[in-house]
Amino acid sequence: MREPERLLQFFADRNLHSNAELEAHGFNRNAVKRLTDEGRLIQFTRGIYLTPEALDQGNLSLAAISMLREGAVCLLSAAAYHDIGDEVPPEIWFAVDRAKVKNAKIPSFDYSHQLVFWPTEYFDVGIQEITVAGQKVSLTNRARTVVDLLHNRNKLTEEVALRAFSDFLRTDGDMREVWDIAIKLKRHESLAAYLNMADELKESIPQRRGP
C-alpha cells in the first residue's frame, strides 16, 4: 500500500494526530504535506491534522490545545462546555502549572487563547477528563467552574459569574461539592456571601431565554 493510502487509513479513526505522532508511526512529512495540499487532510493548527470528514466534531480546539500544552480547560471555556452561563468565549481559557511553565518554551497555537497560571495543587481539585477526537482533555468540572468564575468575578464581571452559578443551581448542581471545592482552594471565606445566597439566587434570576 502506498504511503498516502496508509496515511488516510491511519486518519480513518477521525482523530487529531500530531507531527510527532505521525513520525513515530513512520510517516513522512512530505506525504502529509501532499495530502494537505490536495485537501485530503486538514491542518487544524500548526503540526496537528485531521480529515475534512472529522471537522464536524465539537470541541476540537480544546483537544488541540491539550495536545500541545499540559493543563486544563477552565473559566469561560469550561462554562461553555458545561452549558452554564450565556457566554460563548472567543478564546480558549486554559490553565497551566505555574511551576512547570516558568522556564519552559510555550508551543505556538493558532487559536486565540488566554492562559491562566495555577499552582500545582490546584490541578488536584475539581478536574474531570473527557475524550475529544482521541485526545484526553482535562477541564474543571461544573462545581469547580462555578467557584473559579465567582473568584474571578471582578475580571470576568459579577453578572457572568452569577449567571453561571444560577444555571448550575437550576440544573441540580450540588452545593456541597461547591463548598468542598471552595474550602480546598481556600476560597470559602471570600465567596461565603455568594455561596450562602444559593437558594435566593436560584429563584430570583430570570430563566434563560430560549434560542
N, C-alpha and C. Protein backbone atom coordinates (compact mmCIF):
# COMPACT_ATOMS: atom_id res chain seq x y z
N MET A 1 0.85 -1.20 0.00
CA MET A 1 0.00 0.00 0.00
C MET A 1 0.89 1.25 0.00
N ARG A 2 0.58 2.21 -0.88
CA ARG A 2 1.37 3.43 -0.95
C ARG A 2 1.16 4.27 0.30
N GLU A 3 2.16 5.13 0.59
CA GLU A 3 2.12 5.89 1.83
C GLU A 3 0.90 6.79 1.95
N PRO A 4 0.47 7.51 0.90
CA PRO A 4 -0.74 8.34 1.05
C PRO A 4 -1.96 7.53 1.48
N GLU A 5 -2.11 6.33 0.91
CA GLU A 5 -3.24 5.48 1.29
C GLU A 5 -3.11 5.00 2.74
N ARG A 6 -1.88 4.68 3.13
CA ARG A 6 -1.67 4.27 4.52
C ARG A 6 -1.98 5.41 5.48
N LEU A 7 -1.59 6.62 5.09
CA LEU A 7 -1.87 7.79 5.92
C LEU A 7 -3.37 8.00 6.09
N LEU A 8 -4.09 7.94 5.00
CA LEU A 8 -5.54 8.15 5.07
C LEU A 8 -6.21 7.05 5.88
N GLN A 9 -5.68 5.84 5.77
CA GLN A 9 -6.21 4.74 6.58
C GLN A 9 -5.95 5.02 8.06
N PHE A 10 -4.78 5.58 8.37
CA PHE A 10 -4.44 5.92 9.75
C PHE A 10 -5.39 6.99 10.29
N PHE A 11 -5.78 7.93 9.44
CA PHE A 11 -6.67 9.02 9.85
C PHE A 11 -8.15 8.62 9.84
N ALA A 12 -8.44 7.40 9.44
CA ALA A 12 -9.84 6.96 9.38
C ALA A 12 -10.50 6.91 10.75
N ASP A 13 -9.70 6.99 11.82
CA ASP A 13 -10.27 6.98 13.17
C ASP A 13 -10.92 8.31 13.55
N ARG A 14 -10.83 9.33 12.66
CA ARG A 14 -11.43 10.65 12.87
C ARG A 14 -10.79 11.41 14.04
N ASN A 15 -9.59 11.01 14.41
CA ASN A 15 -8.90 11.67 15.50
C ASN A 15 -7.95 12.75 14.99
N LEU A 16 -7.54 13.62 15.91
CA LEU A 16 -6.47 14.56 15.64
C LEU A 16 -5.13 13.83 15.81
N HIS A 17 -4.19 14.12 14.92
CA HIS A 17 -2.87 13.50 15.02
C HIS A 17 -1.80 14.57 14.82
N SER A 18 -0.74 14.48 15.61
CA SER A 18 0.33 15.47 15.56
C SER A 18 1.48 14.99 14.68
N ASN A 19 2.33 15.93 14.29
CA ASN A 19 3.52 15.58 13.52
C ASN A 19 4.36 14.55 14.26
N ALA A 20 4.53 14.75 15.56
CA ALA A 20 5.36 13.83 16.34
C ALA A 20 4.78 12.42 16.31
N GLU A 21 3.45 12.32 16.43
CA GLU A 21 2.80 11.01 16.40
C GLU A 21 2.95 10.36 15.02
N LEU A 22 2.78 11.16 13.97
CA LEU A 22 2.89 10.63 12.61
C LEU A 22 4.30 10.13 12.33
N GLU A 23 5.28 10.89 12.78
CA GLU A 23 6.67 10.47 12.58
C GLU A 23 6.97 9.20 13.37
N ALA A 24 6.39 9.09 14.56
CA ALA A 24 6.60 7.88 15.38
C ALA A 24 6.05 6.64 14.69
N HIS A 25 5.04 6.84 13.84
CA HIS A 25 4.45 5.72 13.10
C HIS A 25 5.10 5.55 11.73
N GLY A 26 6.16 6.29 11.48
CA GLY A 26 6.92 6.09 10.26
C GLY A 26 6.44 6.84 9.05
N PHE A 27 5.55 7.83 9.23
CA PHE A 27 5.05 8.58 8.09
C PHE A 27 5.97 9.75 7.76
N ASN A 28 6.10 10.01 6.49
CA ASN A 28 6.96 11.08 6.00
C ASN A 28 6.20 12.40 5.98
N ARG A 29 6.86 13.47 6.41
CA ARG A 29 6.20 14.78 6.43
C ARG A 29 5.80 15.25 5.03
N ASN A 30 6.57 14.85 4.03
CA ASN A 30 6.23 15.25 2.66
C ASN A 30 4.91 14.65 2.22
N ALA A 31 4.63 13.43 2.67
CA ALA A 31 3.36 12.79 2.32
C ALA A 31 2.20 13.51 3.01
N VAL A 32 2.43 13.94 4.26
CA VAL A 32 1.41 14.70 4.99
C VAL A 32 1.14 16.02 4.28
N LYS A 33 2.20 16.70 3.87
CA LYS A 33 2.04 17.98 3.18
C LYS A 33 1.31 17.79 1.86
N ARG A 34 1.64 16.73 1.13
CA ARG A 34 0.99 16.49 -0.16
C ARG A 34 -0.51 16.27 0.01
N LEU A 35 -0.88 15.48 0.98
CA LEU A 35 -2.31 15.24 1.21
C LEU A 35 -3.00 16.51 1.71
N THR A 36 -2.27 17.32 2.47
CA THR A 36 -2.84 18.59 2.95
C THR A 36 -3.05 19.54 1.78
N ASP A 37 -2.07 19.62 0.88
CA ASP A 37 -2.20 20.47 -0.30
C ASP A 37 -3.37 20.03 -1.19
N GLU A 38 -3.63 18.73 -1.19
CA GLU A 38 -4.72 18.19 -2.01
C GLU A 38 -6.08 18.33 -1.32
N GLY A 39 -6.08 18.76 -0.05
CA GLY A 39 -7.33 18.91 0.68
C GLY A 39 -7.85 17.61 1.27
N ARG A 40 -7.05 16.57 1.23
CA ARG A 40 -7.47 15.29 1.79
C ARG A 40 -7.17 15.19 3.27
N LEU A 41 -6.28 16.06 3.76
CA LEU A 41 -6.04 16.28 5.18
C LEU A 41 -6.17 17.77 5.45
N ILE A 42 -6.52 18.10 6.67
CA ILE A 42 -6.64 19.49 7.10
C ILE A 42 -5.63 19.75 8.22
N GLN A 43 -4.88 20.84 8.10
CA GLN A 43 -4.03 21.24 9.22
C GLN A 43 -4.89 22.08 10.15
N PHE A 44 -5.30 21.46 11.27
CA PHE A 44 -6.21 22.14 12.19
C PHE A 44 -5.52 23.30 12.90
N THR A 45 -4.32 23.06 13.33
CA THR A 45 -3.43 24.10 13.85
C THR A 45 -2.02 23.62 13.59
N ARG A 46 -1.04 24.42 13.87
CA ARG A 46 0.33 24.08 13.49
C ARG A 46 0.74 22.71 14.03
N GLY A 47 1.05 21.79 13.09
CA GLY A 47 1.54 20.48 13.48
C GLY A 47 0.48 19.48 13.89
N ILE A 48 -0.81 19.81 13.72
CA ILE A 48 -1.89 18.90 14.10
C ILE A 48 -2.87 18.78 12.93
N TYR A 49 -3.22 17.55 12.58
CA TYR A 49 -4.00 17.29 11.37
C TYR A 49 -5.20 16.40 11.66
N LEU A 50 -6.17 16.45 10.73
CA LEU A 50 -7.31 15.55 10.73
C LEU A 50 -7.90 15.55 9.33
N THR A 51 -8.86 14.70 9.08
CA THR A 51 -9.51 14.66 7.77
C THR A 51 -10.67 15.66 7.73
N PRO A 52 -11.04 16.11 6.53
CA PRO A 52 -12.19 17.02 6.43
C PRO A 52 -13.46 16.43 7.04
N GLU A 53 -13.63 15.12 6.93
CA GLU A 53 -14.82 14.47 7.46
C GLU A 53 -14.89 14.52 8.98
N ALA A 54 -13.76 14.74 9.63
CA ALA A 54 -13.73 14.75 11.10
C ALA A 54 -13.98 16.13 11.68
N LEU A 55 -14.13 17.14 10.82
CA LEU A 55 -14.32 18.50 11.30
C LEU A 55 -15.67 18.74 11.96
N ASP A 56 -16.61 17.79 11.80
CA ASP A 56 -17.95 18.00 12.36
C ASP A 56 -18.00 17.70 13.86
N GLN A 57 -16.89 17.30 14.46
CA GLN A 57 -16.86 17.02 15.89
C GLN A 57 -16.76 18.30 16.69
N GLY A 58 -17.40 18.34 17.83
CA GLY A 58 -17.33 19.51 18.68
C GLY A 58 -16.06 19.53 19.53
N ASN A 59 -15.70 20.72 20.00
CA ASN A 59 -14.61 20.92 20.96
C ASN A 59 -13.24 20.51 20.45
N LEU A 60 -13.05 20.58 19.13
CA LEU A 60 -11.74 20.21 18.57
C LEU A 60 -10.63 21.14 19.04
N SER A 61 -10.95 22.42 19.21
CA SER A 61 -9.91 23.35 19.65
C SER A 61 -9.44 23.02 21.07
N LEU A 62 -10.35 22.49 21.90
CA LEU A 62 -9.95 22.09 23.25
C LEU A 62 -9.01 20.89 23.20
N ALA A 63 -9.30 19.97 22.27
CA ALA A 63 -8.42 18.81 22.12
C ALA A 63 -7.06 19.23 21.59
N ALA A 64 -7.05 20.16 20.63
CA ALA A 64 -5.79 20.57 20.02
C ALA A 64 -4.87 21.25 21.02
N ILE A 65 -5.41 22.16 21.81
CA ILE A 65 -4.55 22.85 22.78
C ILE A 65 -4.07 21.88 23.86
N SER A 66 -4.88 20.86 24.15
CA SER A 66 -4.47 19.86 25.14
C SER A 66 -3.36 18.95 24.61
N MET A 67 -3.26 18.85 23.28
CA MET A 67 -2.16 18.08 22.68
C MET A 67 -0.84 18.84 22.78
N LEU A 68 -0.93 20.17 22.79
CA LEU A 68 0.27 21.00 22.77
C LEU A 68 0.73 21.42 24.16
N ARG A 69 -0.21 21.50 25.09
CA ARG A 69 0.13 22.01 26.41
C ARG A 69 -0.49 21.15 27.49
N GLU A 70 0.23 20.96 28.55
CA GLU A 70 -0.31 20.24 29.71
C GLU A 70 -1.06 21.24 30.58
N GLY A 71 -2.31 20.94 30.87
CA GLY A 71 -3.10 21.85 31.68
C GLY A 71 -4.56 21.47 31.67
N ALA A 72 -5.43 22.44 31.90
CA ALA A 72 -6.86 22.16 32.00
C ALA A 72 -7.67 23.32 31.43
N VAL A 73 -8.70 22.99 30.69
CA VAL A 73 -9.66 23.98 30.21
C VAL A 73 -10.40 24.54 31.43
N CYS A 74 -10.60 25.84 31.48
CA CYS A 74 -11.17 26.42 32.68
C CYS A 74 -12.04 27.64 32.36
N LEU A 75 -12.58 28.24 33.41
CA LEU A 75 -13.33 29.50 33.37
C LEU A 75 -14.38 29.51 32.26
N LEU A 76 -14.38 30.50 31.37
CA LEU A 76 -15.46 30.65 30.41
C LEU A 76 -15.55 29.48 29.43
N SER A 77 -14.41 28.90 29.08
CA SER A 77 -14.43 27.76 28.16
C SER A 77 -15.04 26.53 28.83
N ALA A 78 -14.72 26.32 30.10
CA ALA A 78 -15.33 25.21 30.83
C ALA A 78 -16.83 25.45 31.02
N ALA A 79 -17.21 26.69 31.31
CA ALA A 79 -18.63 27.02 31.48
C ALA A 79 -19.39 26.76 30.19
N ALA A 80 -18.79 27.13 29.04
CA ALA A 80 -19.45 26.88 27.76
C ALA A 80 -19.60 25.38 27.51
N TYR A 81 -18.59 24.60 27.85
CA TYR A 81 -18.68 23.15 27.68
C TYR A 81 -19.81 22.58 28.54
N HIS A 82 -19.91 23.05 29.78
CA HIS A 82 -20.93 22.54 30.70
C HIS A 82 -22.31 23.18 30.49
N ASP A 83 -22.37 24.17 29.59
CA ASP A 83 -23.62 24.88 29.30
C ASP A 83 -24.18 25.57 30.54
N ILE A 84 -23.30 26.23 31.26
CA ILE A 84 -23.74 27.09 32.37
C ILE A 84 -23.30 28.51 32.04
N GLY A 85 -24.23 29.43 32.09
CA GLY A 85 -23.95 30.79 31.67
C GLY A 85 -24.26 30.97 30.20
N ASP A 86 -24.22 32.23 29.76
CA ASP A 86 -24.58 32.57 28.38
C ASP A 86 -23.38 32.90 27.51
N GLU A 87 -22.19 32.86 28.08
CA GLU A 87 -21.02 33.32 27.34
C GLU A 87 -20.55 32.29 26.31
N VAL A 88 -20.21 32.80 25.13
CA VAL A 88 -19.54 32.00 24.10
C VAL A 88 -18.18 32.65 23.89
N PRO A 89 -17.18 32.21 24.62
CA PRO A 89 -15.89 32.92 24.62
C PRO A 89 -15.21 32.85 23.26
N PRO A 90 -14.65 33.98 22.80
CA PRO A 90 -13.94 34.00 21.52
C PRO A 90 -12.54 33.38 21.62
N GLU A 91 -12.12 33.06 22.83
CA GLU A 91 -10.80 32.49 23.06
C GLU A 91 -10.92 31.32 24.02
N ILE A 92 -9.92 30.47 24.01
CA ILE A 92 -9.89 29.31 24.90
C ILE A 92 -9.22 29.72 26.21
N TRP A 93 -9.90 29.47 27.32
CA TRP A 93 -9.32 29.71 28.63
C TRP A 93 -8.69 28.41 29.10
N PHE A 94 -7.38 28.47 29.36
CA PHE A 94 -6.63 27.24 29.63
C PHE A 94 -5.65 27.48 30.77
N ALA A 95 -5.74 26.63 31.79
CA ALA A 95 -4.87 26.76 32.96
C ALA A 95 -3.62 25.90 32.79
N VAL A 96 -2.47 26.47 33.15
CA VAL A 96 -1.21 25.73 33.11
C VAL A 96 -0.54 25.82 34.48
N ASP A 97 0.31 24.86 34.74
CA ASP A 97 1.02 24.80 36.02
C ASP A 97 2.11 25.87 36.04
N ARG A 98 1.98 26.80 36.96
CA ARG A 98 2.92 27.91 37.04
C ARG A 98 4.36 27.42 37.20
N ALA A 99 4.55 26.37 37.99
CA ALA A 99 5.90 25.87 38.25
C ALA A 99 6.51 25.22 37.01
N LYS A 100 5.69 24.56 36.20
CA LYS A 100 6.20 23.83 35.04
C LYS A 100 6.49 24.72 33.85
N VAL A 101 5.81 25.84 33.75
CA VAL A 101 6.00 26.69 32.56
C VAL A 101 6.94 27.85 32.83
N LYS A 102 7.45 27.95 34.03
CA LYS A 102 8.28 29.11 34.40
C LYS A 102 9.44 29.29 33.43
N ASN A 103 10.14 28.20 33.12
CA ASN A 103 11.29 28.30 32.23
C ASN A 103 11.11 27.46 30.97
N ALA A 104 9.87 27.05 30.71
CA ALA A 104 9.61 26.18 29.56
C ALA A 104 9.26 26.99 28.32
N LYS A 105 9.58 26.44 27.18
CA LYS A 105 9.20 27.06 25.92
C LYS A 105 7.74 26.74 25.67
N ILE A 106 6.93 27.77 25.42
CA ILE A 106 5.50 27.59 25.19
C ILE A 106 5.27 27.31 23.72
N PRO A 107 4.68 26.14 23.37
CA PRO A 107 4.42 25.85 21.95
C PRO A 107 3.45 26.86 21.35
N SER A 108 3.62 27.12 20.06
CA SER A 108 2.70 28.05 19.39
C SER A 108 1.37 27.36 19.13
N PHE A 109 0.31 28.16 19.10
CA PHE A 109 -1.05 27.64 18.90
C PHE A 109 -1.83 28.69 18.13
N ASP A 110 -2.45 28.29 17.03
CA ASP A 110 -3.06 29.25 16.11
C ASP A 110 -4.34 29.87 16.63
N TYR A 111 -5.01 29.21 17.56
CA TYR A 111 -6.30 29.70 18.04
C TYR A 111 -6.10 30.68 19.21
N SER A 112 -6.92 31.71 19.25
CA SER A 112 -6.83 32.69 20.33
C SER A 112 -7.07 32.00 21.66
N HIS A 113 -6.21 32.27 22.63
CA HIS A 113 -6.36 31.61 23.93
C HIS A 113 -5.82 32.50 25.03
N GLN A 114 -6.32 32.25 26.22
CA GLN A 114 -5.94 33.00 27.40
C GLN A 114 -5.39 32.02 28.43
N LEU A 115 -4.12 32.15 28.75
CA LEU A 115 -3.52 31.25 29.74
C LEU A 115 -3.76 31.76 31.15
N VAL A 116 -4.07 30.82 32.04
CA VAL A 116 -4.24 31.11 33.46
C VAL A 116 -3.21 30.28 34.20
N PHE A 117 -2.50 30.90 35.12
CA PHE A 117 -1.39 30.21 35.80
C PHE A 117 -1.82 29.79 37.20
N TRP A 118 -1.81 28.47 37.42
CA TRP A 118 -2.23 27.90 38.71
C TRP A 118 -1.04 27.28 39.42
N PRO A 119 -1.10 27.24 40.76
CA PRO A 119 -0.13 26.41 41.49
C PRO A 119 -0.44 24.94 41.26
N THR A 120 0.54 24.09 41.42
CA THR A 120 0.40 22.67 41.09
C THR A 120 -0.79 22.02 41.78
N GLU A 121 -1.01 22.35 43.04
CA GLU A 121 -2.07 21.67 43.81
C GLU A 121 -3.47 21.96 43.29
N TYR A 122 -3.66 23.01 42.55
CA TYR A 122 -4.99 23.34 42.02
C TYR A 122 -5.47 22.31 41.00
N PHE A 123 -4.53 21.58 40.41
CA PHE A 123 -4.90 20.60 39.39
C PHE A 123 -5.43 19.30 40.01
N ASP A 124 -5.46 19.23 41.33
CA ASP A 124 -5.99 18.06 42.03
C ASP A 124 -7.40 18.29 42.55
N VAL A 125 -7.98 19.45 42.24
CA VAL A 125 -9.28 19.81 42.81
C VAL A 125 -10.30 20.07 41.71
N GLY A 126 -11.35 19.25 41.66
CA GLY A 126 -12.46 19.51 40.75
C GLY A 126 -12.11 19.45 39.28
N ILE A 127 -11.26 18.52 38.90
CA ILE A 127 -10.86 18.35 37.50
C ILE A 127 -11.44 17.04 36.96
N GLN A 128 -12.05 17.11 35.79
CA GLN A 128 -12.56 15.91 35.15
C GLN A 128 -11.85 15.72 33.81
N GLU A 129 -12.02 14.56 33.22
CA GLU A 129 -11.36 14.26 31.96
C GLU A 129 -12.38 13.77 30.94
N ILE A 130 -12.31 14.32 29.73
CA ILE A 130 -13.15 13.88 28.63
C ILE A 130 -12.23 13.48 27.48
N THR A 131 -12.78 12.82 26.48
CA THR A 131 -12.02 12.46 25.29
C THR A 131 -12.65 13.12 24.08
N VAL A 132 -11.85 13.86 23.33
CA VAL A 132 -12.31 14.54 22.11
C VAL A 132 -11.36 14.18 20.98
N ALA A 133 -11.89 13.60 19.93
CA ALA A 133 -11.08 13.24 18.76
C ALA A 133 -9.83 12.46 19.15
N GLY A 134 -10.00 11.54 20.09
CA GLY A 134 -8.90 10.67 20.52
C GLY A 134 -7.96 11.28 21.53
N GLN A 135 -8.20 12.53 21.91
CA GLN A 135 -7.31 13.22 22.84
C GLN A 135 -7.96 13.39 24.19
N LYS A 136 -7.23 13.07 25.25
CA LYS A 136 -7.74 13.31 26.60
C LYS A 136 -7.66 14.80 26.90
N VAL A 137 -8.77 15.35 27.37
CA VAL A 137 -8.85 16.77 27.69
C VAL A 137 -9.23 16.92 29.15
N SER A 138 -8.41 17.60 29.92
CA SER A 138 -8.73 17.89 31.32
C SER A 138 -9.46 19.23 31.38
N LEU A 139 -10.49 19.29 32.19
CA LEU A 139 -11.20 20.55 32.38
C LEU A 139 -11.82 20.60 33.75
N THR A 140 -12.10 21.81 34.22
CA THR A 140 -12.75 21.93 35.51
C THR A 140 -14.17 21.40 35.43
N ASN A 141 -14.61 20.67 36.46
CA ASN A 141 -15.98 20.19 36.46
C ASN A 141 -16.94 21.34 36.75
N ARG A 142 -18.22 21.06 36.77
CA ARG A 142 -19.21 22.13 36.90
C ARG A 142 -19.03 22.93 38.20
N ALA A 143 -18.86 22.23 39.30
CA ALA A 143 -18.74 22.91 40.59
C ALA A 143 -17.46 23.74 40.66
N ARG A 144 -16.36 23.19 40.20
CA ARG A 144 -15.09 23.93 40.21
C ARG A 144 -15.20 25.15 39.29
N THR A 145 -15.87 25.00 38.17
CA THR A 145 -16.04 26.13 37.24
C THR A 145 -16.79 27.26 37.90
N VAL A 146 -17.84 26.93 38.66
CA VAL A 146 -18.60 27.96 39.39
C VAL A 146 -17.70 28.67 40.40
N VAL A 147 -16.94 27.92 41.15
CA VAL A 147 -16.04 28.52 42.15
C VAL A 147 -15.03 29.44 41.47
N ASP A 148 -14.45 29.00 40.37
CA ASP A 148 -13.46 29.80 39.66
C ASP A 148 -14.07 31.08 39.09
N LEU A 149 -15.28 30.97 38.54
CA LEU A 149 -15.92 32.16 37.97
C LEU A 149 -16.26 33.18 39.07
N LEU A 150 -16.75 32.70 40.18
CA LEU A 150 -17.04 33.61 41.28
C LEU A 150 -15.76 34.25 41.82
N HIS A 151 -14.71 33.47 41.90
CA HIS A 151 -13.44 34.00 42.38
C HIS A 151 -12.89 35.08 41.44
N ASN A 152 -13.13 34.91 40.15
CA ASN A 152 -12.64 35.85 39.14
C ASN A 152 -13.71 36.83 38.68
N ARG A 153 -14.69 37.08 39.55
CA ARG A 153 -15.84 37.91 39.16
C ARG A 153 -15.45 39.34 38.81
N ASN A 154 -14.41 39.87 39.41
CA ASN A 154 -14.01 41.24 39.08
C ASN A 154 -13.41 41.32 37.68
N LYS A 155 -12.75 40.27 37.27
CA LYS A 155 -12.13 40.24 35.94
C LYS A 155 -13.15 39.89 34.86
N LEU A 156 -14.04 38.95 35.16
CA LEU A 156 -14.99 38.46 34.15
C LEU A 156 -16.38 39.06 34.29
N THR A 157 -16.60 39.84 35.28
CA THR A 157 -17.83 40.51 35.69
C THR A 157 -18.68 39.61 36.59
N GLU A 158 -19.28 40.25 37.57
CA GLU A 158 -20.14 39.55 38.51
C GLU A 158 -21.35 38.96 37.81
N GLU A 159 -21.87 39.67 36.81
CA GLU A 159 -23.05 39.18 36.08
C GLU A 159 -22.78 37.84 35.43
N VAL A 160 -21.63 37.71 34.79
CA VAL A 160 -21.27 36.45 34.13
C VAL A 160 -21.16 35.32 35.16
N ALA A 161 -20.51 35.61 36.28
CA ALA A 161 -20.33 34.59 37.32
C ALA A 161 -21.67 34.15 37.91
N LEU A 162 -22.54 35.11 38.19
CA LEU A 162 -23.83 34.78 38.80
C LEU A 162 -24.75 34.05 37.84
N ARG A 163 -24.67 34.38 36.55
CA ARG A 163 -25.48 33.65 35.57
C ARG A 163 -25.08 32.19 35.52
N ALA A 164 -23.78 31.93 35.52
CA ALA A 164 -23.31 30.54 35.51
C ALA A 164 -23.71 29.83 36.81
N PHE A 165 -23.59 30.53 37.93
CA PHE A 165 -23.97 29.97 39.22
C PHE A 165 -25.46 29.62 39.22
N SER A 166 -26.28 30.52 38.70
CA SER A 166 -27.71 30.28 38.63
C SER A 166 -28.04 29.07 37.78
N ASP A 167 -27.41 28.96 36.62
CA ASP A 167 -27.66 27.81 35.75
C ASP A 167 -27.21 26.51 36.41
N PHE A 168 -26.10 26.57 37.11
CA PHE A 168 -25.61 25.40 37.85
C PHE A 168 -26.66 24.93 38.86
N LEU A 169 -27.26 25.88 39.58
CA LEU A 169 -28.25 25.53 40.60
C LEU A 169 -29.52 25.00 39.96
N ARG A 170 -29.95 25.60 38.88
CA ARG A 170 -31.19 25.18 38.23
C ARG A 170 -31.07 23.81 37.59
N THR A 171 -29.87 23.38 37.33
CA THR A 171 -29.68 22.04 36.74
C THR A 171 -29.18 21.06 37.81
N ASP A 172 -29.69 21.27 39.02
CA ASP A 172 -29.43 20.34 40.14
C ASP A 172 -27.96 20.25 40.53
N GLY A 173 -27.26 21.37 40.44
CA GLY A 173 -25.88 21.39 40.91
C GLY A 173 -25.80 21.15 42.41
N ASP A 174 -24.76 20.49 42.84
CA ASP A 174 -24.60 20.09 44.24
C ASP A 174 -23.80 21.16 44.99
N MET A 175 -24.48 21.88 45.88
CA MET A 175 -23.80 22.93 46.64
C MET A 175 -22.77 22.35 47.62
N ARG A 176 -22.96 21.13 48.05
CA ARG A 176 -21.96 20.53 48.95
C ARG A 176 -20.62 20.39 48.23
N GLU A 177 -20.69 20.06 46.95
CA GLU A 177 -19.46 19.94 46.16
C GLU A 177 -18.82 21.32 45.96
N VAL A 178 -19.64 22.34 45.73
CA VAL A 178 -19.12 23.69 45.56
C VAL A 178 -18.40 24.14 46.83
N TRP A 179 -19.04 23.93 47.98
CA TRP A 179 -18.41 24.30 49.25
C TRP A 179 -17.11 23.52 49.47
N ASP A 180 -17.13 22.24 49.17
CA ASP A 180 -15.94 21.40 49.36
C ASP A 180 -14.78 21.92 48.52
N ILE A 181 -15.06 22.26 47.27
CA ILE A 181 -14.01 22.77 46.39
C ILE A 181 -13.52 24.13 46.87
N ALA A 182 -14.46 24.99 47.27
CA ALA A 182 -14.07 26.32 47.76
C ALA A 182 -13.17 26.20 48.98
N ILE A 183 -13.47 25.25 49.86
CA ILE A 183 -12.65 25.05 51.06
C ILE A 183 -11.25 24.54 50.67
N LYS A 184 -11.19 23.58 49.75
CA LYS A 184 -9.89 23.03 49.33
C LYS A 184 -9.02 24.10 48.66
N LEU A 185 -9.66 25.04 47.98
CA LEU A 185 -8.92 26.11 47.31
C LEU A 185 -8.72 27.32 48.21
N LYS A 186 -9.20 27.20 49.46
CA LYS A 186 -9.11 28.29 50.44
C LYS A 186 -9.81 29.57 49.94
N ARG A 187 -10.96 29.36 49.31
CA ARG A 187 -11.75 30.50 48.82
C ARG A 187 -13.10 30.60 49.52
N HIS A 188 -13.35 29.74 50.49
CA HIS A 188 -14.68 29.67 51.10
C HIS A 188 -15.03 30.94 51.86
N GLU A 189 -14.06 31.57 52.46
CA GLU A 189 -14.37 32.78 53.22
C GLU A 189 -14.69 33.95 52.29
N SER A 190 -13.89 34.11 51.23
CA SER A 190 -14.13 35.24 50.32
C SER A 190 -15.39 35.05 49.48
N LEU A 191 -15.82 33.79 49.31
CA LEU A 191 -17.01 33.52 48.50
C LEU A 191 -18.25 33.20 49.33
N ALA A 192 -18.13 33.23 50.64
CA ALA A 192 -19.23 32.80 51.52
C ALA A 192 -20.52 33.57 51.24
N ALA A 193 -20.42 34.87 51.02
CA ALA A 193 -21.63 35.67 50.78
C ALA A 193 -22.37 35.19 49.55
N TYR A 194 -21.64 34.78 48.52
CA TYR A 194 -22.27 34.29 47.29
C TYR A 194 -22.81 32.87 47.48
N LEU A 195 -22.04 32.02 48.10
CA LEU A 195 -22.47 30.63 48.27
C LEU A 195 -23.66 30.53 49.20
N ASN A 196 -23.75 31.42 50.18
CA ASN A 196 -24.88 31.39 51.12
C ASN A 196 -26.17 31.89 50.49
N MET A 197 -26.09 32.57 49.35
CA MET A 197 -27.29 33.09 48.72
C MET A 197 -27.80 32.15 47.62
N ALA A 198 -27.35 30.89 47.64
CA ALA A 198 -27.70 29.95 46.58
C ALA A 198 -29.20 29.82 46.36
N ASP A 199 -29.96 29.62 47.43
CA ASP A 199 -31.41 29.43 47.28
C ASP A 199 -32.08 30.69 46.72
N GLU A 200 -31.67 31.83 47.24
CA GLU A 200 -32.25 33.09 46.77
C GLU A 200 -31.92 33.33 45.30
N LEU A 201 -30.69 33.04 44.93
CA LEU A 201 -30.25 33.25 43.56
C LEU A 201 -31.02 32.37 42.60
N LYS A 202 -31.25 31.15 42.98
CA LYS A 202 -31.95 30.19 42.11
C LYS A 202 -33.34 30.69 41.76
N GLU A 203 -33.99 31.34 42.70
CA GLU A 203 -35.36 31.81 42.49
C GLU A 203 -35.44 33.19 41.85
N SER A 204 -34.44 34.03 42.09
CA SER A 204 -34.58 35.45 41.70
C SER A 204 -34.11 35.77 40.29
N ILE A 205 -33.17 35.02 39.75
CA ILE A 205 -32.66 35.34 38.42
C ILE A 205 -33.59 34.74 37.38
N PRO A 206 -34.01 35.51 36.37
CA PRO A 206 -34.96 35.02 35.36
C PRO A 206 -34.40 33.80 34.63
N GLN A 207 -35.32 32.99 34.14
CA GLN A 207 -34.93 31.81 33.38
C GLN A 207 -34.19 32.24 32.12
N ARG A 208 -33.28 31.36 31.63
CA ARG A 208 -32.57 31.65 30.41
C ARG A 208 -33.54 31.73 29.24
N ARG A 209 -33.25 32.65 28.34
CA ARG A 209 -34.06 32.76 27.14
C ARG A 209 -33.76 31.60 26.20
N GLY A 210 -34.78 31.17 25.51
CA GLY A 210 -34.60 30.12 24.53
C GLY A 210 -33.93 30.66 23.28
N PRO A 211 -33.56 29.77 22.34
CA PRO A 211 -32.88 30.22 21.12
C PRO A 211 -33.78 31.11 20.29
